[in-house]
């Protein structure tokens, strides 16, 4: 569990700089340059992510059960992760109506993903991993919307073709992950 906690601390700390230290972030980027900032950010993110994966894998070998989720939570999680993948796709498809409406679809997608996995899993490692991401995404979404309001940011109205592309891309990515990649990467097949 220690590696999982260390990985979460590193990964989520790096991803929380804009939430807690926006001025420090801006000053540091100005001092060391955007390329070095992105390099350090990426390096620490990869380190944190690797420790999360390693620590979670170790914790899953000796699970500590907190509750036994009912079967229906798996079905709900599948539906929620579908929405999460659509939100993730909307973060990358320019000019779509989803991004125009929610403004920060990737962070909202992480929030939905974390909630889905909290509902469908009942071990301590699951609660720590998905609970940490849920708390982070709630705080980050709130901070990002606050920055938008302070800056007077306006998101352009999305177009129907771009919105349909985001929806289609999210559904296809979800299907590939749910029916194949989740089992291959995580060792759990959501659909048998």
Protein backbone atom coordinates (compact mmCIF):
# COMPACT_ATOMS: atom_id res chain seq x y z
CA UNK A 1 0.00 0.00 0.00
CA UNK A 2 2.97 2.30 0.61
CA UNK A 3 3.96 2.40 -3.07
CA UNK A 4 0.37 3.16 -4.07
CA UNK A 5 0.20 6.03 -1.58
CA UNK A 6 3.59 7.40 -2.68
CA UNK A 7 2.55 7.21 -6.33
CA UNK A 8 -0.72 8.99 -5.63
CA UNK A 9 1.09 11.65 -3.62
CA UNK A 10 3.56 12.36 -6.44
CA UNK A 11 1.08 12.12 -9.33
CA UNK A 12 -1.74 14.09 -7.75
CA UNK A 13 0.61 16.69 -6.24
CA UNK A 14 2.06 17.42 -9.67
CA UNK A 15 -1.45 17.64 -11.10
CA UNK A 16 -2.60 19.90 -8.26
CA UNK A 17 -0.09 22.72 -8.69
CA UNK A 18 -2.65 24.86 -10.55
CA UNK A 19 -5.16 24.26 -7.76
CA UNK A 20 -2.94 25.33 -4.86
CA UNK A 21 -0.03 27.33 -6.31
CA UNK A 22 -0.95 29.02 -9.59
CA UNK A 23 1.33 32.01 -8.97
CA UNK A 24 4.29 29.78 -8.07
CA UNK A 25 3.65 27.71 -11.21
CA UNK A 26 3.63 30.79 -13.44
CA UNK A 27 6.79 32.17 -11.82
CA UNK A 28 8.59 28.84 -12.16
CA UNK A 29 7.63 28.48 -15.83
CA UNK A 30 8.89 32.03 -16.43
CA UNK A 31 12.16 31.24 -14.63
CA UNK A 32 13.00 27.81 -16.14
CA UNK A 33 11.04 27.99 -19.40
CA UNK A 34 8.01 26.04 -20.63
CA UNK A 35 10.03 23.16 -22.12
CA UNK A 36 11.87 22.40 -18.87
CA UNK A 37 8.63 22.77 -16.89
CA UNK A 38 6.86 20.28 -19.17
CA UNK A 39 9.83 17.92 -18.93
CA UNK A 40 9.87 17.97 -15.12
CA UNK A 41 6.07 17.75 -14.99
CA UNK A 42 6.10 14.76 -17.35
CA UNK A 43 8.93 13.01 -15.53
CA UNK A 44 7.27 13.35 -12.13
CA UNK A 45 3.89 12.34 -13.59
CA UNK A 46 5.37 9.20 -15.14
CA UNK A 47 7.15 8.32 -11.88
CA UNK A 48 3.95 8.79 -9.90
CA UNK A 49 1.92 6.82 -12.42
CA UNK A 50 4.42 3.93 -12.42
CA UNK A 51 4.33 3.80 -8.62
CA UNK A 52 0.50 3.85 -8.67
CA UNK A 53 0.39 0.93 -11.11
CA UNK A 54 3.02 -1.04 -9.21
CA UNK A 55 1.53 -0.29 -5.79
CA UNK A 56 -2.02 -1.05 -6.87
CA UNK A 57 -0.88 -4.33 -8.43
CA UNK A 58 0.82 -5.32 -5.20
CA UNK A 59 -2.19 -4.32 -3.10
CA UNK A 60 -4.50 -6.40 -5.31
CA UNK A 61 -2.45 -9.53 -4.50
CA UNK A 62 -3.60 -9.35 -0.86
CA UNK A 63 -6.89 -7.47 -0.97
CA UNK A 64 -8.46 -6.06 2.17
CA UNK A 65 -12.22 -6.17 1.68
CA UNK A 66 -14.19 -3.20 2.96
CA UNK A 67 -17.56 -4.08 1.42
CA UNK A 68 -19.08 -6.45 -1.11
CA UNK A 69 -20.55 -4.35 -3.94
CA UNK A 70 -23.86 -5.64 -5.31
CA UNK A 71 -23.89 -6.91 -8.89
CA UNK A 72 -25.90 -3.93 -10.15
CA UNK A 73 -23.00 -1.59 -9.32
CA UNK A 74 -20.96 -3.26 -12.07
CA UNK A 75 -23.66 -2.48 -14.60
CA UNK A 76 -23.85 1.11 -13.38
CA UNK A 77 -20.05 1.37 -13.53
CA UNK A 78 -20.10 0.23 -17.16
CA UNK A 79 -22.61 2.94 -18.01
CA UNK A 80 -20.65 5.58 -16.10
CA UNK A 81 -17.37 4.62 -17.73
CA UNK A 82 -19.06 4.96 -21.13
CA UNK A 83 -19.88 8.56 -20.18
CA UNK A 84 -16.32 8.99 -18.93
CA UNK A 85 -14.85 7.90 -22.26
CA UNK A 86 -17.15 10.27 -24.16
CA UNK A 87 -16.00 13.11 -21.90
CA UNK A 88 -12.37 12.14 -22.46
CA UNK A 89 -12.88 12.15 -26.24
CA UNK A 90 -14.60 15.54 -25.97
CA UNK A 91 -11.42 16.96 -24.44
CA UNK A 92 -9.58 16.24 -27.71
CA UNK A 93 -12.17 16.86 -30.44
CA UNK A 94 -12.10 20.57 -31.26
CA UNK A 95 -15.33 22.50 -31.49
CA UNK A 96 -17.67 19.97 -29.89
CA UNK A 97 -20.75 20.86 -27.88
CA UNK A 98 -19.78 18.74 -24.89
CA UNK A 99 -16.68 20.83 -24.22
CA UNK A 100 -18.69 23.98 -24.86
CA UNK A 101 -21.13 22.90 -22.18
CA UNK A 102 -18.89 21.43 -19.43
CA UNK A 103 -15.65 23.34 -20.27
CA UNK A 104 -13.31 20.77 -18.73
CA UNK A 105 -14.49 17.37 -19.99
CA UNK A 106 -11.30 15.48 -19.15
CA UNK A 107 -11.42 16.36 -15.46
CA UNK A 108 -15.16 15.63 -15.37
CA UNK A 109 -14.43 12.31 -17.09
CA UNK A 110 -11.90 11.42 -14.38
CA UNK A 111 -14.51 12.28 -11.76
CA UNK A 112 -17.10 9.98 -13.38
CA UNK A 113 -14.49 7.21 -13.90
CA UNK A 114 -13.40 7.34 -10.26
CA UNK A 115 -16.98 7.29 -8.97
CA UNK A 116 -17.83 4.33 -11.21
CA UNK A 117 -14.90 2.33 -9.89
CA UNK A 118 -15.63 3.23 -6.27
CA UNK A 119 -19.17 1.91 -6.69
CA UNK A 120 -18.12 -1.38 -8.29
CA UNK A 121 -15.08 -2.27 -6.16
CA UNK A 122 -14.87 -2.83 -2.45
CA UNK A 123 -11.26 -3.23 -1.36
CA UNK A 124 -9.08 -0.83 0.58
CA UNK A 125 -6.77 -0.34 -2.40
CA UNK A 126 -9.78 0.54 -4.58
CA UNK A 127 -11.07 3.02 -2.02
CA UNK A 128 -7.65 4.65 -1.75
CA UNK A 129 -6.96 4.79 -5.49
CA UNK A 130 -10.37 5.79 -6.82
CA UNK A 131 -11.24 7.88 -3.77
CA UNK A 132 -8.06 9.92 -4.20
CA UNK A 133 -8.79 10.52 -7.88
CA UNK A 134 -12.40 11.44 -7.09
CA UNK A 135 -11.38 14.01 -4.47
CA UNK A 136 -8.68 15.42 -6.77
CA UNK A 137 -11.03 15.70 -9.74
CA UNK A 138 -13.72 17.46 -7.69
CA UNK A 139 -11.15 20.02 -6.47
CA UNK A 140 -9.54 20.42 -9.89
CA UNK A 141 -12.85 20.86 -11.70
CA UNK A 142 -13.91 23.50 -9.21
CA UNK A 143 -10.57 25.32 -9.51
CA UNK A 144 -10.63 25.20 -13.31
CA UNK A 145 -14.16 26.59 -13.46
CA UNK A 146 -13.10 29.30 -11.02
CA UNK A 147 -10.13 30.25 -13.23
CA UNK A 148 -12.51 30.42 -16.20
CA UNK A 149 -14.86 32.75 -14.34
CA UNK A 150 -12.00 34.97 -13.15
CA UNK A 151 -10.55 35.21 -16.65
CA UNK A 152 -13.95 35.65 -18.31
CA UNK A 153 -13.27 32.62 -20.49
CA UNK A 154 -15.96 31.90 -23.07
CA UNK A 155 -16.10 28.57 -24.84
CA UNK A 156 -17.34 28.60 -28.43
CA UNK A 157 -20.60 26.86 -29.18
CA UNK A 158 -19.91 23.40 -30.50
CA UNK A 159 -20.89 22.08 -33.89
CA UNK A 160 -23.01 18.99 -34.46
CA UNK A 161 -20.37 17.13 -36.53
CA UNK A 162 -17.70 17.71 -33.87
CA UNK A 163 -20.07 16.66 -31.09
CA UNK A 164 -20.99 13.49 -32.98
CA UNK A 165 -17.29 12.78 -33.54
CA UNK A 166 -16.61 13.13 -29.82
CA UNK A 167 -19.53 10.82 -29.02
CA UNK A 168 -18.47 8.23 -31.60
CA UNK A 169 -14.83 8.38 -30.56
CA UNK A 170 -15.74 7.95 -26.91
CA UNK A 171 -18.06 5.01 -27.58
CA UNK A 172 -15.49 3.23 -29.76
CA UNK A 173 -12.67 3.82 -27.25
CA UNK A 174 -14.94 2.59 -24.42
CA UNK A 175 -15.87 -0.56 -26.35
CA UNK A 176 -12.23 -1.39 -27.14
CA UNK A 177 -11.23 -0.82 -23.53
CA UNK A 178 -14.24 -2.55 -21.94
CA UNK A 179 -14.26 -5.63 -24.15
CA UNK A 180 -10.53 -6.12 -24.66
CA UNK A 181 -7.96 -3.74 -23.17
CA UNK A 182 -9.28 -3.69 -19.58
CA UNK A 183 -8.82 -7.45 -19.30
CA UNK A 184 -5.42 -7.34 -20.97
CA UNK A 185 -4.06 -4.39 -18.96
CA UNK A 186 -5.89 -4.69 -15.63
CA UNK A 187 -6.67 -8.41 -15.51
CA UNK A 188 -10.40 -7.85 -15.00
CA UNK A 189 -12.89 -8.38 -17.82
CA UNK A 190 -15.95 -6.17 -17.17
CA UNK A 191 -18.07 -8.22 -19.58
CA UNK A 192 -16.98 -11.76 -18.85
